[in-house]
N, C-alpha and C. Protein backbone atom coordinates (compact mmCIF):
# COMPACT_ATOMS: atom_id res chain seq x y z
N MET A 1 56.80 -85.20 -58.25
CA MET A 1 55.61 -85.24 -57.40
C MET A 1 54.37 -84.99 -58.24
N LEU A 2 53.33 -85.79 -58.04
CA LEU A 2 52.08 -85.67 -58.78
C LEU A 2 50.94 -85.34 -57.85
N MET A 3 49.86 -84.81 -58.43
CA MET A 3 48.64 -84.55 -57.67
C MET A 3 47.66 -85.69 -57.90
N ASP A 4 47.05 -86.18 -56.81
CA ASP A 4 46.04 -87.22 -56.99
C ASP A 4 44.71 -86.59 -57.36
N SER A 5 43.64 -87.41 -57.47
CA SER A 5 42.35 -86.91 -57.93
C SER A 5 41.71 -85.92 -56.98
N ASN A 6 42.23 -85.84 -55.75
CA ASN A 6 41.73 -84.86 -54.78
C ASN A 6 42.63 -83.64 -54.68
N GLY A 7 43.60 -83.55 -55.58
CA GLY A 7 44.49 -82.40 -55.58
C GLY A 7 45.57 -82.47 -54.52
N LEU A 8 45.83 -83.65 -53.94
CA LEU A 8 46.83 -83.81 -52.90
C LEU A 8 48.14 -84.31 -53.50
N ALA A 9 49.23 -83.82 -52.96
CA ALA A 9 50.55 -84.20 -53.48
C ALA A 9 50.88 -85.62 -53.06
N ARG A 10 51.37 -86.43 -54.00
CA ARG A 10 51.79 -87.79 -53.72
C ARG A 10 53.14 -88.02 -54.40
N ASN A 11 53.96 -88.86 -53.81
CA ASN A 11 55.22 -89.23 -54.44
C ASN A 11 55.05 -90.56 -55.17
N PHE A 12 55.45 -90.60 -56.43
CA PHE A 12 55.33 -91.80 -57.24
C PHE A 12 56.69 -92.11 -57.87
N VAL A 13 57.02 -93.38 -57.92
CA VAL A 13 58.18 -93.81 -58.69
C VAL A 13 57.63 -94.70 -59.80
N VAL A 14 57.48 -94.12 -60.99
CA VAL A 14 56.86 -94.83 -62.10
C VAL A 14 57.60 -94.49 -63.38
N GLU A 15 57.43 -95.33 -64.37
CA GLU A 15 57.93 -95.02 -65.71
C GLU A 15 56.91 -94.14 -66.40
N ARG A 16 57.33 -93.00 -66.88
CA ARG A 16 56.44 -92.14 -67.63
C ARG A 16 56.43 -92.60 -69.09
N PHE A 17 55.31 -92.38 -69.73
CA PHE A 17 55.13 -92.86 -71.09
C PHE A 17 54.53 -91.77 -71.94
N SER A 18 54.99 -91.66 -73.16
CA SER A 18 54.46 -90.67 -74.08
C SER A 18 54.11 -91.33 -75.41
N MET A 19 53.03 -90.86 -75.99
CA MET A 19 52.63 -91.26 -77.33
C MET A 19 52.33 -89.97 -78.09
N ARG A 20 52.65 -89.97 -79.36
CA ARG A 20 52.42 -88.76 -80.15
C ARG A 20 51.75 -89.12 -81.46
N VAL A 21 50.64 -88.42 -81.74
CA VAL A 21 49.98 -88.54 -83.03
C VAL A 21 50.42 -87.36 -83.88
N VAL A 22 50.95 -87.63 -85.04
CA VAL A 22 51.39 -86.58 -85.96
C VAL A 22 50.31 -86.42 -87.02
N ALA A 23 49.83 -85.19 -87.14
CA ALA A 23 48.71 -84.93 -88.05
C ALA A 23 48.97 -83.64 -88.81
N GLY A 24 49.42 -83.76 -90.05
CA GLY A 24 49.61 -82.58 -90.89
C GLY A 24 50.55 -81.54 -90.31
N GLY A 25 51.64 -81.99 -89.71
CA GLY A 25 52.60 -81.06 -89.13
C GLY A 25 52.26 -80.61 -87.73
N ARG A 26 51.14 -81.05 -87.19
CA ARG A 26 50.76 -80.74 -85.82
C ARG A 26 50.85 -82.01 -84.99
N PHE A 27 50.95 -81.81 -83.67
CA PHE A 27 51.21 -82.94 -82.79
C PHE A 27 50.18 -83.00 -81.67
N VAL A 28 49.70 -84.20 -81.39
CA VAL A 28 48.86 -84.45 -80.22
C VAL A 28 49.58 -85.50 -79.38
N GLU A 29 50.03 -85.09 -78.21
CA GLU A 29 50.81 -85.96 -77.34
C GLU A 29 49.96 -86.47 -76.18
N LEU A 30 50.22 -87.70 -75.77
CA LEU A 30 49.61 -88.27 -74.58
C LEU A 30 50.73 -88.59 -73.62
N HIS A 31 50.64 -88.03 -72.42
CA HIS A 31 51.77 -88.10 -71.50
C HIS A 31 51.28 -88.41 -70.10
N GLY A 32 52.01 -89.29 -69.40
CA GLY A 32 51.65 -89.56 -68.03
C GLY A 32 52.44 -90.74 -67.47
N PRO A 33 52.27 -90.97 -66.18
CA PRO A 33 51.56 -90.13 -65.21
C PRO A 33 52.29 -88.79 -65.06
N ALA A 34 51.53 -87.72 -64.95
CA ALA A 34 52.13 -86.39 -64.90
C ALA A 34 51.19 -85.40 -64.22
N ASP A 35 51.74 -84.27 -63.83
CA ASP A 35 51.03 -83.21 -63.12
C ASP A 35 50.89 -82.03 -64.06
N ILE A 36 49.67 -81.67 -64.42
CA ILE A 36 49.45 -80.61 -65.39
C ILE A 36 49.91 -79.25 -64.89
N THR A 37 49.99 -79.05 -63.59
CA THR A 37 50.43 -77.75 -63.07
C THR A 37 51.90 -77.49 -63.36
N GLU A 38 52.64 -78.53 -63.72
CA GLU A 38 54.07 -78.37 -64.02
C GLU A 38 54.34 -78.23 -65.51
N GLU A 39 53.30 -78.24 -66.33
CA GLU A 39 53.49 -78.18 -67.77
C GLU A 39 54.04 -76.83 -68.22
N ALA A 40 54.90 -76.88 -69.25
CA ALA A 40 55.51 -75.67 -69.80
C ALA A 40 54.89 -75.26 -71.12
N THR A 41 53.75 -75.87 -71.49
CA THR A 41 53.03 -75.39 -72.67
C THR A 41 52.57 -73.96 -72.42
N GLU A 42 52.28 -73.25 -73.50
CA GLU A 42 51.90 -71.84 -73.35
C GLU A 42 50.62 -71.68 -72.54
N ALA A 43 49.71 -72.62 -72.66
CA ALA A 43 48.49 -72.61 -71.87
C ALA A 43 48.22 -74.02 -71.35
N ILE A 44 47.58 -74.10 -70.19
CA ILE A 44 47.04 -75.35 -69.72
C ILE A 44 45.53 -75.18 -69.57
N VAL A 45 44.81 -76.29 -69.64
CA VAL A 45 43.36 -76.25 -69.56
C VAL A 45 42.93 -76.76 -68.19
N ASN A 46 42.03 -76.02 -67.58
CA ASN A 46 41.49 -76.38 -66.27
C ASN A 46 40.10 -76.98 -66.43
N ALA A 47 39.87 -78.14 -65.81
CA ALA A 47 38.54 -78.73 -65.75
C ALA A 47 37.80 -78.05 -64.60
N ALA A 48 37.13 -76.95 -64.91
CA ALA A 48 36.56 -76.06 -63.90
C ALA A 48 35.10 -76.42 -63.59
N ASN A 49 34.56 -75.74 -62.58
CA ASN A 49 33.12 -75.78 -62.36
C ASN A 49 32.51 -74.48 -62.88
N SER A 50 31.20 -74.44 -63.01
CA SER A 50 30.54 -73.29 -63.63
C SER A 50 30.75 -72.00 -62.86
N TYR A 51 31.00 -72.10 -61.55
CA TYR A 51 31.17 -70.90 -60.73
C TYR A 51 32.57 -70.31 -60.85
N LEU A 52 33.52 -71.11 -61.37
CA LEU A 52 34.91 -70.68 -61.57
C LEU A 52 35.58 -70.26 -60.26
N MET A 53 35.19 -70.92 -59.17
CA MET A 53 35.71 -70.54 -57.86
C MET A 53 36.76 -71.52 -57.34
N GLY A 54 37.24 -72.41 -58.19
CA GLY A 54 38.17 -73.43 -57.72
C GLY A 54 37.40 -74.58 -57.11
N GLY A 55 38.08 -75.66 -56.84
CA GLY A 55 37.41 -76.83 -56.29
C GLY A 55 38.42 -77.91 -55.98
N GLY A 56 38.05 -79.17 -56.21
CA GLY A 56 38.96 -80.27 -55.96
C GLY A 56 39.65 -80.73 -57.22
N GLY A 57 40.42 -81.79 -57.13
CA GLY A 57 41.07 -82.38 -58.29
C GLY A 57 41.96 -81.41 -59.04
N VAL A 58 41.90 -81.48 -60.37
CA VAL A 58 42.71 -80.62 -61.23
C VAL A 58 42.42 -79.15 -60.97
N ASP A 59 41.14 -78.82 -60.80
CA ASP A 59 40.74 -77.43 -60.58
C ASP A 59 41.44 -76.84 -59.35
N GLY A 60 41.36 -77.55 -58.24
CA GLY A 60 42.00 -77.07 -57.02
C GLY A 60 43.51 -77.01 -57.15
N ALA A 61 44.10 -78.02 -57.80
CA ALA A 61 45.55 -78.04 -57.96
C ALA A 61 46.04 -76.85 -58.77
N ILE A 62 45.33 -76.50 -59.84
CA ILE A 62 45.72 -75.37 -60.67
C ILE A 62 45.60 -74.06 -59.90
N HIS A 63 44.51 -73.88 -59.18
CA HIS A 63 44.35 -72.65 -58.39
C HIS A 63 45.42 -72.57 -57.29
N ASN A 64 45.71 -73.69 -56.64
CA ASN A 64 46.72 -73.67 -55.58
C ASN A 64 48.09 -73.34 -56.14
N ALA A 65 48.44 -73.93 -57.27
CA ALA A 65 49.76 -73.69 -57.86
C ALA A 65 49.87 -72.31 -58.49
N GLY A 66 48.78 -71.83 -59.09
CA GLY A 66 48.82 -70.55 -59.79
C GLY A 66 48.64 -69.34 -58.91
N GLY A 67 48.06 -69.54 -57.72
CA GLY A 67 47.90 -68.43 -56.80
C GLY A 67 46.62 -67.64 -56.99
N PRO A 68 46.40 -66.63 -56.15
CA PRO A 68 45.13 -65.91 -56.10
C PRO A 68 44.81 -65.07 -57.33
N ALA A 69 45.79 -64.76 -58.16
CA ALA A 69 45.52 -63.93 -59.35
C ALA A 69 44.55 -64.63 -60.29
N ILE A 70 44.62 -65.97 -60.38
CA ILE A 70 43.71 -66.71 -61.26
C ILE A 70 42.29 -66.58 -60.75
N LEU A 71 42.09 -66.78 -59.45
CA LEU A 71 40.76 -66.69 -58.86
C LEU A 71 40.18 -65.29 -59.03
N GLU A 72 41.00 -64.27 -58.90
CA GLU A 72 40.51 -62.90 -59.06
C GLU A 72 39.99 -62.66 -60.47
N GLU A 73 40.70 -63.15 -61.48
CA GLU A 73 40.21 -63.01 -62.86
C GLU A 73 38.92 -63.79 -63.07
N CYS A 74 38.84 -64.97 -62.47
CA CYS A 74 37.62 -65.76 -62.58
C CYS A 74 36.44 -65.03 -61.95
N ARG A 75 36.65 -64.43 -60.81
CA ARG A 75 35.58 -63.68 -60.14
C ARG A 75 35.10 -62.51 -61.00
N ARG A 76 36.03 -61.83 -61.63
CA ARG A 76 35.63 -60.71 -62.48
C ARG A 76 34.80 -61.21 -63.66
N TYR A 77 35.22 -62.35 -64.23
CA TYR A 77 34.47 -62.90 -65.37
C TYR A 77 33.04 -63.23 -64.96
N VAL A 78 32.87 -63.92 -63.85
CA VAL A 78 31.53 -64.31 -63.40
C VAL A 78 30.69 -63.07 -63.08
N ALA A 79 31.30 -62.06 -62.48
CA ALA A 79 30.56 -60.83 -62.17
C ALA A 79 30.05 -60.16 -63.43
N GLN A 80 30.81 -60.24 -64.51
CA GLN A 80 30.42 -59.57 -65.76
C GLN A 80 29.57 -60.44 -66.67
N ASN A 81 29.77 -61.76 -66.61
CA ASN A 81 29.14 -62.65 -67.60
C ASN A 81 28.23 -63.72 -67.02
N GLY A 82 28.28 -63.90 -65.71
CA GLY A 82 27.54 -65.00 -65.09
C GLY A 82 28.35 -66.28 -65.13
N ASN A 83 27.77 -67.36 -64.63
CA ASN A 83 28.47 -68.64 -64.58
C ASN A 83 28.81 -69.14 -65.98
N LEU A 84 29.89 -69.89 -66.08
CA LEU A 84 30.33 -70.44 -67.36
C LEU A 84 29.57 -71.75 -67.63
N PRO A 85 28.81 -71.82 -68.72
CA PRO A 85 28.04 -73.05 -68.99
C PRO A 85 28.94 -74.22 -69.38
N ALA A 86 28.42 -75.42 -69.21
CA ALA A 86 29.13 -76.62 -69.66
C ALA A 86 29.38 -76.54 -71.16
N GLY A 87 30.58 -76.95 -71.56
CA GLY A 87 30.95 -76.93 -72.97
C GLY A 87 31.58 -75.65 -73.45
N ARG A 88 31.61 -74.62 -72.61
CA ARG A 88 32.21 -73.33 -72.98
C ARG A 88 33.58 -73.18 -72.32
N ALA A 89 34.32 -72.14 -72.71
CA ALA A 89 35.66 -71.91 -72.19
C ALA A 89 35.93 -70.43 -72.03
N MET A 90 36.79 -70.08 -71.06
CA MET A 90 37.26 -68.72 -70.88
C MET A 90 38.73 -68.77 -70.49
N LEU A 91 39.41 -67.63 -70.57
CA LEU A 91 40.86 -67.59 -70.40
C LEU A 91 41.26 -66.62 -69.30
N THR A 92 42.26 -67.04 -68.48
CA THR A 92 42.90 -66.14 -67.53
C THR A 92 44.41 -66.24 -67.71
N ARG A 93 45.11 -65.35 -67.06
CA ARG A 93 46.56 -65.48 -66.97
C ARG A 93 46.91 -66.67 -66.09
N GLY A 94 48.17 -67.08 -66.12
CA GLY A 94 48.58 -68.27 -65.39
C GLY A 94 49.09 -68.04 -64.00
N GLY A 95 49.14 -66.78 -63.55
CA GLY A 95 49.63 -66.51 -62.21
C GLY A 95 51.04 -67.04 -62.01
N ARG A 96 51.22 -67.85 -60.99
CA ARG A 96 52.55 -68.39 -60.66
C ARG A 96 52.90 -69.65 -61.46
N LEU A 97 52.01 -70.12 -62.30
CA LEU A 97 52.29 -71.30 -63.11
C LEU A 97 53.37 -71.03 -64.15
N THR A 98 54.01 -72.07 -64.62
CA THR A 98 54.93 -71.92 -65.75
C THR A 98 54.17 -71.53 -67.00
N ALA A 99 53.00 -72.11 -67.19
CA ALA A 99 52.15 -71.76 -68.34
C ALA A 99 51.72 -70.30 -68.23
N LYS A 100 51.72 -69.61 -69.36
CA LYS A 100 51.35 -68.20 -69.37
C LYS A 100 49.85 -67.99 -69.17
N TYR A 101 49.05 -68.94 -69.65
CA TYR A 101 47.59 -68.82 -69.59
C TYR A 101 46.96 -70.08 -69.04
N VAL A 102 45.76 -69.91 -68.49
CA VAL A 102 44.89 -71.03 -68.13
C VAL A 102 43.58 -70.85 -68.89
N ILE A 103 43.19 -71.89 -69.62
CA ILE A 103 41.88 -71.92 -70.26
C ILE A 103 40.97 -72.76 -69.38
N HIS A 104 39.91 -72.16 -68.89
CA HIS A 104 38.98 -72.82 -68.00
C HIS A 104 37.78 -73.30 -68.82
N THR A 105 37.46 -74.58 -68.70
CA THR A 105 36.29 -75.11 -69.40
C THR A 105 35.51 -76.01 -68.46
N VAL A 106 34.20 -76.07 -68.65
CA VAL A 106 33.31 -76.81 -67.76
C VAL A 106 32.81 -78.05 -68.48
N GLY A 107 33.22 -79.21 -67.99
CA GLY A 107 32.76 -80.46 -68.58
C GLY A 107 31.37 -80.84 -68.10
N PRO A 108 30.72 -81.77 -68.79
CA PRO A 108 29.39 -82.21 -68.38
C PRO A 108 29.45 -83.22 -67.25
N VAL A 109 28.44 -83.20 -66.41
CA VAL A 109 28.24 -84.28 -65.45
C VAL A 109 27.62 -85.46 -66.20
N TYR A 110 28.19 -86.64 -66.04
CA TYR A 110 27.70 -87.80 -66.79
C TYR A 110 26.42 -88.33 -66.15
N ARG A 111 25.36 -88.43 -66.94
CA ARG A 111 24.05 -88.89 -66.46
C ARG A 111 23.56 -90.09 -67.25
N GLY A 112 24.51 -90.91 -67.71
CA GLY A 112 24.14 -92.11 -68.44
C GLY A 112 24.36 -92.03 -69.93
N GLY A 113 24.66 -90.84 -70.44
CA GLY A 113 25.01 -90.69 -71.84
C GLY A 113 23.89 -90.23 -72.75
N SER A 114 22.69 -90.06 -72.21
CA SER A 114 21.55 -89.68 -73.06
C SER A 114 21.11 -88.24 -72.85
N SER A 115 21.95 -87.44 -72.20
CA SER A 115 21.59 -86.05 -71.91
C SER A 115 22.52 -85.06 -72.60
N GLY A 116 23.06 -85.46 -73.75
CA GLY A 116 23.93 -84.56 -74.51
C GLY A 116 25.34 -84.47 -73.99
N GLU A 117 25.75 -85.43 -73.14
CA GLU A 117 27.08 -85.34 -72.54
C GLU A 117 28.20 -85.40 -73.56
N GLN A 118 28.06 -86.25 -74.58
CA GLN A 118 29.13 -86.39 -75.56
C GLN A 118 29.38 -85.09 -76.31
N GLU A 119 28.33 -84.43 -76.74
CA GLU A 119 28.50 -83.18 -77.47
C GLU A 119 29.08 -82.08 -76.57
N LEU A 120 28.64 -82.04 -75.32
CA LEU A 120 29.18 -81.04 -74.40
C LEU A 120 30.66 -81.29 -74.12
N LEU A 121 31.04 -82.55 -73.96
CA LEU A 121 32.45 -82.85 -73.73
C LEU A 121 33.29 -82.49 -74.96
N ALA A 122 32.81 -82.86 -76.14
CA ALA A 122 33.52 -82.49 -77.37
C ALA A 122 33.66 -80.98 -77.48
N SER A 123 32.62 -80.26 -77.08
CA SER A 123 32.64 -78.80 -77.14
C SER A 123 33.72 -78.22 -76.22
N CYS A 124 33.95 -78.85 -75.07
CA CYS A 124 35.02 -78.37 -74.18
C CYS A 124 36.36 -78.32 -74.90
N TYR A 125 36.66 -79.38 -75.63
CA TYR A 125 37.95 -79.44 -76.33
C TYR A 125 37.97 -78.49 -77.53
N ARG A 126 36.88 -78.47 -78.29
CA ARG A 126 36.83 -77.56 -79.44
C ARG A 126 36.94 -76.11 -79.01
N GLU A 127 36.14 -75.72 -78.03
CA GLU A 127 36.12 -74.32 -77.60
C GLU A 127 37.45 -73.90 -76.99
N SER A 128 38.11 -74.80 -76.30
CA SER A 128 39.41 -74.47 -75.72
C SER A 128 40.44 -74.20 -76.81
N ILE A 129 40.45 -75.04 -77.85
CA ILE A 129 41.38 -74.82 -78.96
C ILE A 129 41.02 -73.54 -79.71
N ARG A 130 39.75 -73.30 -79.94
CA ARG A 130 39.34 -72.07 -80.63
C ARG A 130 39.72 -70.82 -79.84
N LEU A 131 39.58 -70.90 -78.53
CA LEU A 131 39.99 -69.77 -77.69
C LEU A 131 41.49 -69.56 -77.76
N ALA A 132 42.25 -70.66 -77.73
CA ALA A 132 43.70 -70.55 -77.89
C ALA A 132 44.05 -69.92 -79.24
N GLU A 133 43.35 -70.32 -80.28
CA GLU A 133 43.57 -69.74 -81.60
C GLU A 133 43.36 -68.23 -81.59
N ARG A 134 42.30 -67.79 -80.96
CA ARG A 134 42.00 -66.34 -80.94
C ARG A 134 43.07 -65.54 -80.22
N HIS A 135 43.77 -66.18 -79.31
CA HIS A 135 44.82 -65.49 -78.55
C HIS A 135 46.22 -65.81 -79.08
N GLY A 136 46.30 -66.49 -80.21
CA GLY A 136 47.60 -66.78 -80.80
C GLY A 136 48.43 -67.76 -80.03
N ILE A 137 47.81 -68.60 -79.22
CA ILE A 137 48.52 -69.58 -78.40
C ILE A 137 48.92 -70.76 -79.28
N GLN A 138 50.16 -71.21 -79.13
CA GLN A 138 50.69 -72.24 -80.01
C GLN A 138 50.72 -73.63 -79.40
N SER A 139 50.66 -73.72 -78.08
CA SER A 139 50.68 -75.04 -77.44
C SER A 139 49.82 -75.01 -76.19
N LEU A 140 49.10 -76.11 -75.96
CA LEU A 140 48.30 -76.20 -74.74
C LEU A 140 48.20 -77.63 -74.27
N ALA A 141 47.92 -77.78 -72.98
CA ALA A 141 47.83 -79.10 -72.35
C ALA A 141 46.46 -79.27 -71.72
N PHE A 142 45.87 -80.44 -71.96
CA PHE A 142 44.56 -80.79 -71.41
C PHE A 142 44.69 -81.85 -70.32
N PRO A 143 43.84 -81.79 -69.30
CA PRO A 143 43.63 -82.95 -68.44
C PRO A 143 42.55 -83.83 -69.06
N SER A 144 42.15 -84.87 -68.36
CA SER A 144 41.02 -85.69 -68.78
C SER A 144 39.75 -85.06 -68.20
N ILE A 145 39.03 -84.32 -69.01
CA ILE A 145 37.89 -83.53 -68.54
C ILE A 145 36.70 -84.44 -68.21
N SER A 146 36.07 -84.17 -67.09
CA SER A 146 34.82 -84.80 -66.64
C SER A 146 34.95 -86.23 -66.13
N THR A 147 36.16 -86.79 -66.11
CA THR A 147 36.28 -88.20 -65.71
C THR A 147 36.56 -88.39 -64.22
N GLY A 148 36.61 -87.29 -63.47
CA GLY A 148 36.77 -87.39 -62.02
C GLY A 148 35.42 -87.35 -61.33
N ALA A 149 35.19 -86.29 -60.58
CA ALA A 149 33.95 -86.16 -59.81
C ALA A 149 32.71 -86.10 -60.70
N PHE A 150 32.86 -85.70 -61.97
CA PHE A 150 31.70 -85.60 -62.85
C PHE A 150 31.29 -86.94 -63.45
N GLY A 151 32.10 -87.99 -63.24
CA GLY A 151 31.67 -89.34 -63.48
C GLY A 151 31.65 -89.86 -64.90
N TYR A 152 32.26 -89.14 -65.84
CA TYR A 152 32.26 -89.61 -67.23
C TYR A 152 33.18 -90.82 -67.34
N PRO A 153 32.70 -91.95 -67.88
CA PRO A 153 33.58 -93.12 -68.02
C PRO A 153 34.82 -92.80 -68.86
N VAL A 154 35.97 -93.18 -68.36
CA VAL A 154 37.23 -92.78 -69.00
C VAL A 154 37.33 -93.32 -70.43
N SER A 155 36.92 -94.57 -70.64
CA SER A 155 37.05 -95.15 -71.98
C SER A 155 36.22 -94.39 -73.00
N LEU A 156 35.05 -93.91 -72.60
CA LEU A 156 34.20 -93.14 -73.51
C LEU A 156 34.75 -91.72 -73.69
N ALA A 157 35.16 -91.12 -72.59
CA ALA A 157 35.67 -89.75 -72.65
C ALA A 157 36.94 -89.66 -73.47
N ALA A 158 37.79 -90.68 -73.40
CA ALA A 158 39.06 -90.66 -74.13
C ALA A 158 38.83 -90.56 -75.63
N HIS A 159 37.90 -91.35 -76.14
CA HIS A 159 37.62 -91.32 -77.58
C HIS A 159 37.11 -89.94 -78.00
N VAL A 160 36.18 -89.38 -77.23
CA VAL A 160 35.64 -88.05 -77.54
C VAL A 160 36.76 -87.01 -77.52
N ALA A 161 37.60 -87.08 -76.51
CA ALA A 161 38.67 -86.08 -76.35
C ALA A 161 39.66 -86.12 -77.50
N VAL A 162 40.20 -87.30 -77.80
CA VAL A 162 41.23 -87.40 -78.84
C VAL A 162 40.64 -87.06 -80.20
N GLN A 163 39.47 -87.57 -80.51
CA GLN A 163 38.86 -87.28 -81.80
C GLN A 163 38.55 -85.79 -81.95
N SER A 164 38.02 -85.16 -80.91
CA SER A 164 37.67 -83.74 -80.98
C SER A 164 38.91 -82.88 -81.20
N VAL A 165 39.98 -83.20 -80.49
CA VAL A 165 41.21 -82.41 -80.63
C VAL A 165 41.81 -82.58 -82.02
N LEU A 166 41.91 -83.82 -82.51
CA LEU A 166 42.48 -84.03 -83.83
C LEU A 166 41.66 -83.34 -84.92
N THR A 167 40.35 -83.41 -84.81
CA THR A 167 39.48 -82.76 -85.81
C THR A 167 39.62 -81.25 -85.77
N GLU A 168 39.64 -80.68 -84.56
CA GLU A 168 39.73 -79.22 -84.44
C GLU A 168 41.09 -78.71 -84.90
N LEU A 169 42.14 -79.47 -84.66
CA LEU A 169 43.47 -79.03 -85.09
C LEU A 169 43.59 -78.91 -86.60
N GLU A 170 42.76 -79.64 -87.33
CA GLU A 170 42.79 -79.53 -88.79
C GLU A 170 42.43 -78.13 -89.25
N GLN A 171 41.70 -77.38 -88.41
CA GLN A 171 41.30 -76.02 -88.76
C GLN A 171 42.22 -74.96 -88.15
N ALA A 172 43.15 -75.39 -87.30
CA ALA A 172 43.96 -74.43 -86.54
C ALA A 172 45.08 -73.83 -87.39
N THR A 173 45.41 -72.60 -87.09
CA THR A 173 46.54 -71.95 -87.75
C THR A 173 47.65 -71.61 -86.75
N HIS A 174 47.30 -71.39 -85.48
CA HIS A 174 48.30 -71.06 -84.46
C HIS A 174 48.68 -72.27 -83.61
N VAL A 175 47.69 -73.00 -83.14
CA VAL A 175 47.97 -74.12 -82.24
C VAL A 175 48.63 -75.25 -83.03
N GLY A 176 49.84 -75.61 -82.62
CA GLY A 176 50.58 -76.66 -83.30
C GLY A 176 50.82 -77.89 -82.46
N LYS A 177 50.68 -77.74 -81.13
CA LYS A 177 50.90 -78.88 -80.25
C LYS A 177 49.86 -78.89 -79.14
N VAL A 178 49.23 -80.05 -78.98
CA VAL A 178 48.31 -80.28 -77.88
C VAL A 178 48.84 -81.49 -77.10
N ARG A 179 48.85 -81.37 -75.81
CA ARG A 179 49.31 -82.47 -74.96
C ARG A 179 48.21 -82.84 -73.98
N PHE A 180 47.87 -84.12 -73.92
CA PHE A 180 47.02 -84.64 -72.86
C PHE A 180 47.92 -85.04 -71.70
N VAL A 181 47.72 -84.42 -70.56
CA VAL A 181 48.51 -84.70 -69.37
C VAL A 181 47.64 -85.52 -68.43
N LEU A 182 47.96 -86.81 -68.31
CA LEU A 182 47.06 -87.77 -67.66
C LEU A 182 47.69 -88.26 -66.37
N PHE A 183 46.87 -88.26 -65.32
CA PHE A 183 47.40 -88.47 -63.97
C PHE A 183 47.84 -89.88 -63.69
N ASP A 184 47.10 -90.88 -64.18
CA ASP A 184 47.42 -92.25 -63.80
C ASP A 184 47.51 -93.16 -65.03
N ILE A 185 48.04 -94.35 -64.80
CA ILE A 185 48.30 -95.29 -65.88
C ILE A 185 47.00 -95.75 -66.55
N SER A 186 45.96 -95.99 -65.77
CA SER A 186 44.71 -96.48 -66.37
C SER A 186 44.11 -95.46 -67.32
N THR A 187 44.16 -94.18 -66.95
CA THR A 187 43.66 -93.13 -67.84
C THR A 187 44.54 -93.01 -69.07
N LEU A 188 45.84 -93.09 -68.88
CA LEU A 188 46.77 -93.03 -70.02
C LEU A 188 46.51 -94.17 -71.00
N LYS A 189 46.27 -95.36 -70.47
CA LYS A 189 46.00 -96.51 -71.34
C LYS A 189 44.72 -96.31 -72.15
N ALA A 190 43.70 -95.74 -71.52
CA ALA A 190 42.44 -95.50 -72.22
C ALA A 190 42.63 -94.50 -73.35
N TYR A 191 43.38 -93.43 -73.09
CA TYR A 191 43.62 -92.42 -74.12
C TYR A 191 44.53 -92.98 -75.22
N SER A 192 45.50 -93.81 -74.84
CA SER A 192 46.38 -94.42 -75.84
C SER A 192 45.59 -95.34 -76.75
N ALA A 193 44.68 -96.12 -76.18
CA ALA A 193 43.85 -97.02 -76.98
C ALA A 193 42.97 -96.23 -77.94
N ALA A 194 42.42 -95.12 -77.47
CA ALA A 194 41.58 -94.28 -78.34
C ALA A 194 42.40 -93.70 -79.48
N ALA A 195 43.62 -93.24 -79.18
CA ALA A 195 44.48 -92.68 -80.22
C ALA A 195 44.86 -93.74 -81.25
N GLU A 196 45.20 -94.93 -80.79
CA GLU A 196 45.58 -96.00 -81.71
C GLU A 196 44.42 -96.36 -82.64
N LYS A 197 43.22 -96.42 -82.09
CA LYS A 197 42.04 -96.75 -82.90
C LYS A 197 41.79 -95.69 -83.96
N LEU A 198 41.91 -94.41 -83.58
CA LEU A 198 41.68 -93.33 -84.54
C LEU A 198 42.75 -93.31 -85.63
N VAL A 199 43.99 -93.58 -85.27
CA VAL A 199 45.07 -93.59 -86.25
C VAL A 199 44.87 -94.72 -87.26
N ARG A 200 44.43 -95.88 -86.79
CA ARG A 200 44.18 -96.99 -87.71
C ARG A 200 43.09 -96.65 -88.73
N ALA A 201 42.15 -95.81 -88.31
CA ALA A 201 41.03 -95.46 -89.20
C ALA A 201 41.35 -94.29 -90.12
N ARG A 202 42.43 -93.56 -89.83
CA ARG A 202 42.75 -92.36 -90.61
C ARG A 202 44.21 -92.42 -91.06
N PRO A 203 44.45 -92.80 -92.30
CA PRO A 203 45.82 -92.97 -92.77
C PRO A 203 46.63 -91.68 -92.81
N GLN A 204 45.97 -90.52 -92.71
CA GLN A 204 46.72 -89.26 -92.72
C GLN A 204 47.44 -89.00 -91.39
N TYR A 205 47.14 -89.82 -90.37
CA TYR A 205 47.79 -89.68 -89.07
C TYR A 205 48.90 -90.71 -88.92
N ALA A 206 49.95 -90.35 -88.18
CA ALA A 206 51.02 -91.28 -87.84
C ALA A 206 51.18 -91.33 -86.34
N LEU A 207 51.60 -92.47 -85.84
CA LEU A 207 51.69 -92.69 -84.39
C LEU A 207 53.14 -92.96 -84.01
N GLU A 208 53.60 -92.27 -82.96
CA GLU A 208 54.95 -92.48 -82.43
C GLU A 208 54.83 -92.77 -80.93
N LYS A 209 55.61 -93.71 -80.44
CA LYS A 209 55.58 -94.05 -79.02
C LYS A 209 56.98 -93.94 -78.44
N ALA A 210 57.05 -93.54 -77.17
CA ALA A 210 58.34 -93.48 -76.49
C ALA A 210 58.11 -93.49 -75.00
N SER A 211 58.88 -94.26 -74.27
CA SER A 211 58.87 -94.21 -72.80
C SER A 211 59.96 -93.26 -72.35
N THR A 212 59.70 -92.56 -71.23
CA THR A 212 60.67 -91.57 -70.75
C THR A 212 61.00 -91.80 -69.30
């Protein structure tokens, strides 16, 4: 069972597909169609809003699956630090999720591409990995940040996401596996195309494909 873009449960009978970029002993996987709330990575990343109060899409699905303990930690963070700005990240426990932690990050609202959206989106991925590093987390899973209600075009966001993760992993010492958990086939295809393009340009990367 998967969650749709509104966080509602839907039944799908589809072939799942995985692609893996191997980079210096670390792995970046692209997987889907899949539900990030079911991931068994040590941490999953939530595409949150600045208020950290839950919402629709991935945000609502993670809060619903993880239970009220996640929201309580978010409330404490906002009370102490204020709203979380776009491009930044914070960490809570995973509550009832299989993942031990949730990293909450706020993506940019897309306003045509001339308002710093690319840098803010890249920062979401960089800051999430850096936060995982500080907590000794070895594996984490990302959704496609900002491509739902925030309107970022998937083809553009995919390139930023894959490139940012691969670049940041070159500096990582703890994080060894990152997985993009993508809800639908069209998003998976966009991320796969971005990964293939980056691998062609960087001979230090290798690409592996497998259907599951």
